[in-house]
Amino acid sequence: MLIDVETNEIVSYRNSSKKMYPASLTKVMTLIVAVENNSDLSETIQITSDMVDPFIWLDASRAGFLPGETPTVEDTLYGMILMSGADAALAVAVHTSGSEEAFVELMNEKAEQMGLKNTHFTNTVGLHDEENYSTAEDMALILEYALRDKVCRDVLSAVEYKVAPTEQNPEGL
């Protein structure tokens, strides 16, 4: 689906209502929910092995955070989007809601509030699951919604972002 963002006109589409696996586009909804549920982006998050190890084993995309680090919420948002970081997505979800499952509930509630009819999430990172689905039409609405928020827009349009050096990552990220 191609939309002219200046006029909000649909320029072209094909199978825009067909359910599909959204993969890492799932992280755009994770970004929206994280931004809307964290008033202080400078709060720090304690990175644990549980947030990193599963994604090493799955060979998933990671931002590169390591157990013991304490990035800010903002750092994880950029790591989640710029690096498609599953570690960052899970970290911000656990920080926000206490667990990935509780955060996913917020994602699905948000989808319902937005009037999305063909979208359902089962995880925060876009790992394949038959019940993690969306459509091109719903994803366009999610992106449009995200771009209306200044923080989401800044994160989604960033070209680079630097995380300060830590003991675990002496060069920074």
N, C-alpha and C. Protein backbone atom coordinates (compact mmCIF):
# COMPACT_ATOMS: atom_id res chain seq x y z
N MET A 1 0.85 -1.16 0.00
CA MET A 1 0.00 0.00 0.00
C MET A 1 0.90 1.22 0.00
N LEU A 2 0.65 2.12 -0.93
CA LEU A 2 1.42 3.35 -1.04
C LEU A 2 0.48 4.53 -0.77
N ILE A 3 0.84 5.33 0.24
CA ILE A 3 0.00 6.45 0.65
C ILE A 3 0.79 7.75 0.54
N ASP A 4 0.18 8.76 -0.04
CA ASP A 4 0.76 10.09 -0.08
C ASP A 4 0.50 10.71 1.30
N VAL A 5 1.55 10.88 2.11
CA VAL A 5 1.36 11.36 3.47
C VAL A 5 0.95 12.84 3.53
N GLU A 6 1.18 13.56 2.49
CA GLU A 6 0.76 14.98 2.47
C GLU A 6 -0.74 15.11 2.30
N THR A 7 -1.33 14.26 1.45
CA THR A 7 -2.76 14.35 1.17
C THR A 7 -3.56 13.22 1.82
N ASN A 8 -2.86 12.23 2.37
CA ASN A 8 -3.46 11.04 2.96
C ASN A 8 -4.22 10.21 1.92
N GLU A 9 -3.85 10.38 0.67
CA GLU A 9 -4.48 9.67 -0.43
C GLU A 9 -3.76 8.35 -0.69
N ILE A 10 -4.54 7.30 -0.88
CA ILE A 10 -3.97 6.01 -1.24
C ILE A 10 -3.62 6.07 -2.72
N VAL A 11 -2.34 5.96 -3.03
CA VAL A 11 -1.85 6.07 -4.39
C VAL A 11 -1.96 4.74 -5.11
N SER A 12 -1.63 3.66 -4.41
CA SER A 12 -1.65 2.34 -5.02
C SER A 12 -1.77 1.29 -3.93
N TYR A 13 -2.41 0.18 -4.27
CA TYR A 13 -2.49 -0.92 -3.32
C TYR A 13 -2.76 -2.23 -4.06
N ARG A 14 -2.38 -3.32 -3.41
CA ARG A 14 -2.66 -4.66 -3.91
C ARG A 14 -2.73 -5.59 -2.71
N ASN A 15 -3.81 -6.29 -2.58
CA ASN A 15 -4.00 -7.23 -1.47
C ASN A 15 -3.79 -6.57 -0.10
N SER A 16 -4.22 -5.32 0.02
CA SER A 16 -3.95 -4.55 1.25
C SER A 16 -4.69 -5.09 2.47
N SER A 17 -5.70 -5.92 2.28
CA SER A 17 -6.44 -6.48 3.41
C SER A 17 -6.07 -7.94 3.69
N LYS A 18 -5.10 -8.45 2.96
CA LYS A 18 -4.67 -9.84 3.15
C LYS A 18 -3.81 -9.95 4.42
N LYS A 19 -4.16 -10.87 5.30
CA LYS A 19 -3.38 -11.09 6.51
C LYS A 19 -2.00 -11.59 6.15
N MET A 20 -1.00 -11.06 6.85
CA MET A 20 0.37 -11.47 6.61
C MET A 20 1.15 -11.39 7.92
N TYR A 21 2.29 -11.98 7.90
CA TYR A 21 3.20 -11.97 9.04
C TYR A 21 3.96 -10.64 9.02
N PRO A 22 3.81 -9.79 10.06
CA PRO A 22 4.42 -8.45 10.02
C PRO A 22 5.91 -8.40 10.34
N ALA A 23 6.48 -9.50 10.81
CA ALA A 23 7.91 -9.54 11.12
C ALA A 23 8.32 -8.34 11.97
N SER A 24 9.43 -7.71 11.63
CA SER A 24 9.95 -6.62 12.46
C SER A 24 9.10 -5.36 12.45
N LEU A 25 8.12 -5.26 11.54
CA LEU A 25 7.21 -4.12 11.61
C LEU A 25 6.40 -4.14 12.90
N THR A 26 6.36 -5.31 13.55
CA THR A 26 5.74 -5.43 14.88
C THR A 26 6.33 -4.39 15.82
N LYS A 27 7.62 -4.12 15.66
CA LYS A 27 8.32 -3.20 16.57
C LYS A 27 7.79 -1.77 16.48
N VAL A 28 7.09 -1.42 15.42
CA VAL A 28 6.50 -0.07 15.35
C VAL A 28 5.39 0.05 16.39
N MET A 29 4.58 -1.00 16.54
CA MET A 29 3.55 -0.96 17.59
C MET A 29 4.22 -1.03 18.96
N THR A 30 5.30 -1.79 19.09
CA THR A 30 6.03 -1.82 20.35
C THR A 30 6.53 -0.42 20.70
N LEU A 31 7.03 0.30 19.71
CA LEU A 31 7.48 1.69 19.91
C LEU A 31 6.34 2.57 20.39
N ILE A 32 5.19 2.51 19.72
CA ILE A 32 4.04 3.34 20.10
C ILE A 32 3.65 3.08 21.55
N VAL A 33 3.48 1.81 21.90
CA VAL A 33 3.04 1.46 23.25
C VAL A 33 4.09 1.85 24.29
N ALA A 34 5.35 1.66 23.98
CA ALA A 34 6.42 2.05 24.91
C ALA A 34 6.43 3.55 25.14
N VAL A 35 6.33 4.32 24.06
CA VAL A 35 6.35 5.79 24.19
C VAL A 35 5.13 6.27 24.99
N GLU A 36 3.98 5.71 24.72
CA GLU A 36 2.76 6.15 25.40
C GLU A 36 2.69 5.73 26.85
N ASN A 37 3.51 4.76 27.25
CA ASN A 37 3.45 4.25 28.62
C ASN A 37 4.71 4.51 29.43
N ASN A 38 5.61 5.35 28.91
CA ASN A 38 6.82 5.74 29.64
C ASN A 38 6.95 7.25 29.56
N SER A 39 6.66 7.92 30.66
CA SER A 39 6.71 9.38 30.66
C SER A 39 8.13 9.92 30.77
N ASP A 40 9.05 9.12 31.29
CA ASP A 40 10.43 9.58 31.46
C ASP A 40 11.37 8.69 30.64
N LEU A 41 11.75 9.17 29.48
CA LEU A 41 12.61 8.39 28.59
C LEU A 41 14.05 8.29 29.08
N SER A 42 14.38 9.06 30.14
CA SER A 42 15.74 8.99 30.69
C SER A 42 15.85 7.94 31.80
N GLU A 43 14.74 7.30 32.16
CA GLU A 43 14.80 6.21 33.13
C GLU A 43 15.69 5.11 32.58
N THR A 44 16.37 4.42 33.47
CA THR A 44 17.25 3.34 33.02
C THR A 44 16.57 1.98 33.16
N ILE A 45 17.04 1.07 32.33
CA ILE A 45 16.53 -0.29 32.30
C ILE A 45 17.69 -1.23 32.60
N GLN A 46 17.48 -2.14 33.53
CA GLN A 46 18.50 -3.14 33.85
C GLN A 46 18.41 -4.28 32.84
N ILE A 47 19.44 -4.44 32.02
CA ILE A 47 19.46 -5.52 31.03
C ILE A 47 19.86 -6.82 31.73
N THR A 48 19.07 -7.86 31.51
CA THR A 48 19.33 -9.16 32.12
C THR A 48 19.62 -10.21 31.03
N SER A 49 20.14 -11.32 31.44
CA SER A 49 20.39 -12.43 30.51
C SER A 49 19.11 -12.89 29.84
N ASP A 50 17.99 -12.84 30.57
CA ASP A 50 16.71 -13.26 30.00
C ASP A 50 16.27 -12.38 28.84
N MET A 51 16.80 -11.16 28.78
CA MET A 51 16.45 -10.23 27.70
C MET A 51 17.36 -10.39 26.48
N VAL A 52 18.48 -11.06 26.67
CA VAL A 52 19.48 -11.16 25.61
C VAL A 52 19.64 -12.59 25.10
N ASP A 53 19.82 -13.54 26.00
CA ASP A 53 20.15 -14.91 25.62
C ASP A 53 19.19 -15.56 24.62
N PRO A 54 17.87 -15.44 24.80
CA PRO A 54 16.99 -16.11 23.82
C PRO A 54 17.23 -15.64 22.38
N PHE A 55 17.59 -14.39 22.22
CA PHE A 55 17.78 -13.85 20.87
C PHE A 55 19.14 -14.22 20.29
N ILE A 56 20.10 -14.52 21.16
CA ILE A 56 21.39 -15.05 20.69
C ILE A 56 21.14 -16.45 20.13
N TRP A 57 20.40 -17.26 20.89
CA TRP A 57 20.11 -18.63 20.47
C TRP A 57 19.29 -18.66 19.18
N LEU A 58 18.38 -17.69 19.02
CA LEU A 58 17.54 -17.64 17.82
C LEU A 58 18.23 -16.96 16.65
N ASP A 59 19.41 -16.39 16.89
CA ASP A 59 20.13 -15.63 15.89
C ASP A 59 19.27 -14.47 15.37
N ALA A 60 18.54 -13.85 16.28
CA ALA A 60 17.67 -12.71 15.95
C ALA A 60 18.48 -11.42 15.91
N SER A 61 17.94 -10.42 15.27
CA SER A 61 18.59 -9.11 15.25
C SER A 61 18.61 -8.54 16.67
N ARG A 62 19.74 -7.99 17.04
CA ARG A 62 19.88 -7.41 18.38
C ARG A 62 20.56 -6.05 18.27
N ALA A 63 20.24 -5.18 19.23
CA ALA A 63 20.91 -3.88 19.31
C ALA A 63 22.32 -4.04 19.85
N GLY A 64 22.52 -5.07 20.68
CA GLY A 64 23.84 -5.32 21.24
C GLY A 64 23.97 -5.06 22.72
N PHE A 65 22.84 -4.79 23.40
CA PHE A 65 22.90 -4.61 24.85
C PHE A 65 23.30 -5.92 25.50
N LEU A 66 24.06 -5.81 26.61
CA LEU A 66 24.56 -6.99 27.31
C LEU A 66 24.10 -6.98 28.76
N PRO A 67 23.95 -8.16 29.36
CA PRO A 67 23.53 -8.23 30.76
C PRO A 67 24.40 -7.34 31.64
N GLY A 68 23.74 -6.62 32.55
CA GLY A 68 24.43 -5.71 33.46
C GLY A 68 24.39 -4.27 33.00
N GLU A 69 24.14 -4.03 31.73
CA GLU A 69 24.05 -2.64 31.25
C GLU A 69 22.74 -2.01 31.71
N THR A 70 22.75 -0.69 31.77
CA THR A 70 21.56 0.06 32.18
C THR A 70 21.29 1.20 31.19
N PRO A 71 20.86 0.86 29.97
CA PRO A 71 20.53 1.91 29.01
C PRO A 71 19.27 2.65 29.44
N THR A 72 19.07 3.81 28.87
CA THR A 72 17.83 4.54 29.12
C THR A 72 16.71 3.95 28.26
N VAL A 73 15.49 4.29 28.61
CA VAL A 73 14.35 3.90 27.78
C VAL A 73 14.59 4.40 26.36
N GLU A 74 15.05 5.65 26.23
CA GLU A 74 15.31 6.22 24.91
C GLU A 74 16.34 5.39 24.14
N ASP A 75 17.40 4.98 24.81
CA ASP A 75 18.42 4.14 24.15
C ASP A 75 17.79 2.87 23.58
N THR A 76 16.90 2.24 24.35
CA THR A 76 16.29 0.99 23.87
C THR A 76 15.35 1.25 22.71
N LEU A 77 14.67 2.40 22.70
CA LEU A 77 13.77 2.71 21.58
C LEU A 77 14.56 2.80 20.28
N TYR A 78 15.68 3.52 20.33
CA TYR A 78 16.51 3.65 19.13
C TYR A 78 17.13 2.30 18.75
N GLY A 79 17.58 1.52 19.74
CA GLY A 79 18.15 0.21 19.46
C GLY A 79 17.13 -0.74 18.85
N MET A 80 15.90 -0.61 19.29
CA MET A 80 14.82 -1.46 18.78
C MET A 80 14.52 -1.14 17.31
N ILE A 81 14.52 0.14 16.96
CA ILE A 81 14.15 0.54 15.60
C ILE A 81 15.35 0.56 14.66
N LEU A 82 16.44 1.21 15.03
CA LEU A 82 17.57 1.33 14.11
C LEU A 82 18.29 0.00 13.87
N MET A 83 18.37 -0.82 14.88
CA MET A 83 19.07 -2.11 14.75
C MET A 83 18.09 -3.28 14.67
N SER A 84 16.80 -2.96 14.68
CA SER A 84 15.76 -4.00 14.76
C SER A 84 16.04 -4.91 15.95
N GLY A 85 16.46 -4.29 17.05
CA GLY A 85 16.94 -5.02 18.21
C GLY A 85 15.87 -5.69 19.03
N ALA A 86 15.83 -7.02 18.95
CA ALA A 86 14.89 -7.79 19.75
C ALA A 86 15.20 -7.63 21.24
N ASP A 87 16.49 -7.54 21.59
CA ASP A 87 16.89 -7.36 22.98
C ASP A 87 16.33 -6.05 23.53
N ALA A 88 16.40 -5.00 22.74
CA ALA A 88 15.90 -3.69 23.16
C ALA A 88 14.38 -3.69 23.27
N ALA A 89 13.70 -4.36 22.33
CA ALA A 89 12.23 -4.43 22.37
C ALA A 89 11.76 -5.16 23.63
N LEU A 90 12.39 -6.27 23.93
CA LEU A 90 12.00 -7.02 25.13
C LEU A 90 12.33 -6.23 26.39
N ALA A 91 13.48 -5.58 26.42
CA ALA A 91 13.87 -4.79 27.59
C ALA A 91 12.86 -3.69 27.88
N VAL A 92 12.46 -2.94 26.87
CA VAL A 92 11.52 -1.85 27.10
C VAL A 92 10.13 -2.39 27.46
N ALA A 93 9.77 -3.55 26.91
CA ALA A 93 8.49 -4.15 27.25
C ALA A 93 8.44 -4.58 28.71
N VAL A 94 9.49 -5.26 29.16
CA VAL A 94 9.56 -5.72 30.55
C VAL A 94 9.61 -4.51 31.49
N HIS A 95 10.37 -3.50 31.12
CA HIS A 95 10.44 -2.27 31.94
C HIS A 95 9.07 -1.62 32.04
N THR A 96 8.34 -1.59 30.96
CA THR A 96 7.05 -0.90 30.91
C THR A 96 5.95 -1.66 31.64
N SER A 97 5.89 -2.96 31.44
CA SER A 97 4.73 -3.73 31.92
C SER A 97 5.06 -4.88 32.87
N GLY A 98 6.33 -5.14 33.09
CA GLY A 98 6.70 -6.23 33.98
C GLY A 98 6.95 -7.54 33.28
N SER A 99 6.36 -7.71 32.09
CA SER A 99 6.57 -8.94 31.31
C SER A 99 6.21 -8.66 29.85
N GLU A 100 6.74 -9.51 28.97
CA GLU A 100 6.38 -9.37 27.56
C GLU A 100 4.89 -9.64 27.36
N GLU A 101 4.36 -10.62 28.07
CA GLU A 101 2.95 -10.97 27.93
C GLU A 101 2.05 -9.79 28.28
N ALA A 102 2.34 -9.11 29.38
CA ALA A 102 1.53 -7.95 29.79
C ALA A 102 1.66 -6.82 28.77
N PHE A 103 2.85 -6.64 28.22
CA PHE A 103 3.06 -5.60 27.21
C PHE A 103 2.30 -5.92 25.94
N VAL A 104 2.30 -7.19 25.53
CA VAL A 104 1.57 -7.61 24.32
C VAL A 104 0.08 -7.34 24.50
N GLU A 105 -0.44 -7.51 25.70
CA GLU A 105 -1.84 -7.16 25.97
C GLU A 105 -2.08 -5.68 25.66
N LEU A 106 -1.14 -4.82 26.08
CA LEU A 106 -1.26 -3.39 25.77
C LEU A 106 -1.21 -3.14 24.27
N MET A 107 -0.37 -3.89 23.56
CA MET A 107 -0.28 -3.74 22.11
C MET A 107 -1.62 -4.09 21.45
N ASN A 108 -2.23 -5.17 21.88
CA ASN A 108 -3.50 -5.59 21.30
C ASN A 108 -4.64 -4.64 21.69
N GLU A 109 -4.59 -4.11 22.91
CA GLU A 109 -5.57 -3.10 23.31
C GLU A 109 -5.42 -1.85 22.45
N LYS A 110 -4.18 -1.46 22.17
CA LYS A 110 -3.93 -0.28 21.33
C LYS A 110 -4.45 -0.53 19.91
N ALA A 111 -4.20 -1.72 19.39
CA ALA A 111 -4.70 -2.06 18.05
C ALA A 111 -6.22 -1.94 18.00
N GLU A 112 -6.87 -2.40 19.05
CA GLU A 112 -8.33 -2.31 19.12
C GLU A 112 -8.78 -0.84 19.20
N GLN A 113 -8.11 -0.05 20.05
CA GLN A 113 -8.44 1.38 20.17
C GLN A 113 -8.27 2.10 18.84
N MET A 114 -7.29 1.68 18.05
CA MET A 114 -7.02 2.30 16.76
C MET A 114 -7.98 1.81 15.67
N GLY A 115 -8.84 0.85 16.01
CA GLY A 115 -9.80 0.34 15.05
C GLY A 115 -9.21 -0.63 14.05
N LEU A 116 -8.08 -1.24 14.38
CA LEU A 116 -7.45 -2.20 13.47
C LEU A 116 -8.22 -3.51 13.54
N LYS A 117 -8.72 -3.95 12.42
CA LYS A 117 -9.59 -5.14 12.37
C LYS A 117 -8.84 -6.43 12.09
N ASN A 118 -7.67 -6.34 11.49
CA ASN A 118 -6.95 -7.54 11.05
C ASN A 118 -5.53 -7.58 11.59
N THR A 119 -5.37 -7.18 12.84
CA THR A 119 -4.05 -7.17 13.46
C THR A 119 -4.13 -7.81 14.83
N HIS A 120 -3.17 -8.67 15.13
CA HIS A 120 -3.06 -9.28 16.45
C HIS A 120 -1.59 -9.58 16.71
N PHE A 121 -1.14 -9.29 17.93
CA PHE A 121 0.25 -9.50 18.29
C PHE A 121 0.38 -10.58 19.34
N THR A 122 1.47 -11.35 19.26
CA THR A 122 1.78 -12.36 20.27
C THR A 122 3.13 -12.11 20.91
N ASN A 123 3.92 -11.21 20.34
CA ASN A 123 5.23 -10.88 20.91
C ASN A 123 5.59 -9.46 20.49
N THR A 124 6.63 -8.94 21.10
CA THR A 124 7.02 -7.54 20.89
C THR A 124 8.02 -7.34 19.77
N VAL A 125 8.59 -8.43 19.27
CA VAL A 125 9.72 -8.30 18.35
C VAL A 125 9.43 -8.74 16.92
N GLY A 126 8.32 -9.44 16.70
CA GLY A 126 8.00 -9.90 15.36
C GLY A 126 8.44 -11.30 15.05
N LEU A 127 8.75 -12.09 16.08
CA LEU A 127 9.08 -13.49 15.84
C LEU A 127 7.87 -14.19 15.24
N HIS A 128 8.14 -15.12 14.33
CA HIS A 128 7.05 -15.78 13.63
C HIS A 128 6.12 -16.53 14.58
N ASP A 129 4.84 -16.30 14.39
CA ASP A 129 3.80 -16.97 15.14
C ASP A 129 2.54 -16.83 14.29
N GLU A 130 1.79 -17.90 14.12
CA GLU A 130 0.57 -17.86 13.30
C GLU A 130 -0.41 -16.79 13.79
N GLU A 131 -0.38 -16.49 15.09
CA GLU A 131 -1.31 -15.52 15.66
C GLU A 131 -0.72 -14.11 15.74
N ASN A 132 0.45 -13.91 15.19
CA ASN A 132 1.06 -12.58 15.09
C ASN A 132 0.89 -12.15 13.64
N TYR A 133 -0.13 -11.34 13.36
CA TYR A 133 -0.45 -11.00 11.98
C TYR A 133 -0.97 -9.58 11.86
N SER A 134 -0.94 -9.09 10.64
CA SER A 134 -1.49 -7.77 10.31
C SER A 134 -1.79 -7.76 8.82
N THR A 135 -2.11 -6.60 8.30
CA THR A 135 -2.32 -6.40 6.87
C THR A 135 -1.55 -5.14 6.47
N ALA A 136 -1.35 -4.97 5.18
CA ALA A 136 -0.69 -3.75 4.71
C ALA A 136 -1.50 -2.52 5.11
N GLU A 137 -2.82 -2.63 5.03
CA GLU A 137 -3.69 -1.52 5.40
C GLU A 137 -3.54 -1.16 6.88
N ASP A 138 -3.57 -2.16 7.76
CA ASP A 138 -3.42 -1.90 9.20
C ASP A 138 -2.02 -1.38 9.52
N MET A 139 -0.99 -1.95 8.86
CA MET A 139 0.37 -1.46 9.11
C MET A 139 0.52 -0.01 8.67
N ALA A 140 -0.13 0.38 7.59
CA ALA A 140 -0.10 1.78 7.16
C ALA A 140 -0.72 2.67 8.24
N LEU A 141 -1.82 2.21 8.83
CA LEU A 141 -2.46 2.99 9.90
C LEU A 141 -1.57 3.07 11.14
N ILE A 142 -0.87 1.98 11.45
CA ILE A 142 0.05 1.98 12.60
C ILE A 142 1.18 2.98 12.35
N LEU A 143 1.76 2.94 11.16
CA LEU A 143 2.84 3.89 10.84
C LEU A 143 2.35 5.33 10.84
N GLU A 144 1.17 5.55 10.28
CA GLU A 144 0.61 6.91 10.27
C GLU A 144 0.42 7.40 11.71
N TYR A 145 -0.10 6.55 12.57
CA TYR A 145 -0.31 6.90 13.97
C TYR A 145 1.02 7.23 14.63
N ALA A 146 2.02 6.39 14.40
CA ALA A 146 3.34 6.60 15.01
C ALA A 146 3.95 7.93 14.57
N LEU A 147 3.80 8.26 13.32
CA LEU A 147 4.42 9.49 12.79
C LEU A 147 3.76 10.76 13.33
N ARG A 148 2.57 10.64 13.90
CA ARG A 148 1.93 11.82 14.53
C ARG A 148 2.55 12.17 15.88
N ASP A 149 3.25 11.21 16.48
CA ASP A 149 3.89 11.44 17.78
C ASP A 149 5.34 11.87 17.55
N LYS A 150 5.76 12.97 18.19
CA LYS A 150 7.10 13.51 17.95
C LYS A 150 8.20 12.51 18.30
N VAL A 151 8.10 11.85 19.45
CA VAL A 151 9.15 10.90 19.85
C VAL A 151 9.21 9.73 18.86
N CYS A 152 8.06 9.16 18.55
CA CYS A 152 8.04 8.05 17.58
C CYS A 152 8.60 8.49 16.24
N ARG A 153 8.19 9.68 15.78
CA ARG A 153 8.67 10.19 14.49
C ARG A 153 10.18 10.38 14.51
N ASP A 154 10.71 10.94 15.61
CA ASP A 154 12.16 11.13 15.73
C ASP A 154 12.91 9.80 15.66
N VAL A 155 12.40 8.81 16.38
CA VAL A 155 13.04 7.49 16.40
C VAL A 155 12.96 6.84 15.02
N LEU A 156 11.78 6.87 14.42
CA LEU A 156 11.59 6.22 13.12
C LEU A 156 12.35 6.89 11.99
N SER A 157 12.64 8.17 12.13
CA SER A 157 13.33 8.89 11.04
C SER A 157 14.83 9.07 11.30
N ALA A 158 15.31 8.58 12.42
CA ALA A 158 16.74 8.73 12.75
C ALA A 158 17.60 7.91 11.79
N VAL A 159 18.75 8.45 11.48
CA VAL A 159 19.72 7.76 10.64
C VAL A 159 20.76 7.06 11.52
N GLU A 160 21.08 7.69 12.65
CA GLU A 160 22.01 7.08 13.58
C GLU A 160 21.71 7.56 14.99
N TYR A 161 22.22 6.80 15.95
CA TYR A 161 22.04 7.12 17.36
C TYR A 161 23.19 6.44 18.10
N LYS A 162 23.77 7.13 19.04
CA LYS A 162 24.93 6.59 19.77
C LYS A 162 24.56 6.37 21.23
N VAL A 163 24.81 5.15 21.71
CA VAL A 163 24.65 4.82 23.12
C VAL A 163 26.02 4.94 23.75
N ALA A 164 26.09 5.61 24.89
CA ALA A 164 27.35 5.85 25.58
C ALA A 164 28.09 4.55 25.91
N PRO A 165 29.42 4.60 25.94
CA PRO A 165 30.21 3.43 26.31
C PRO A 165 29.87 2.94 27.72
N THR A 166 29.96 1.63 27.89
CA THR A 166 29.75 1.01 29.20
C THR A 166 30.88 0.01 29.43
N GLU A 167 30.93 -0.56 30.60
CA GLU A 167 31.93 -1.59 30.89
C GLU A 167 31.77 -2.77 29.93
N GLN A 168 30.51 -3.13 29.64
CA GLN A 168 30.23 -4.27 28.76
C GLN A 168 30.47 -3.94 27.29
N ASN A 169 30.22 -2.70 26.89
CA ASN A 169 30.40 -2.24 25.52
C ASN A 169 31.28 -0.98 25.55
N PRO A 170 32.60 -1.14 25.70
CA PRO A 170 33.50 0.00 25.86
C PRO A 170 33.48 0.99 24.69
N GLU A 171 33.08 0.54 23.52
CA GLU A 171 32.99 1.43 22.35
C GLU A 171 31.63 2.12 22.28
N GLY A 172 30.71 1.72 23.13
CA GLY A 172 29.33 2.19 23.03
C GLY A 172 28.63 1.42 21.93
N LEU A 173 27.42 1.79 21.66
CA LEU A 173 26.64 1.15 20.59
C LEU A 173 26.16 2.24 19.64
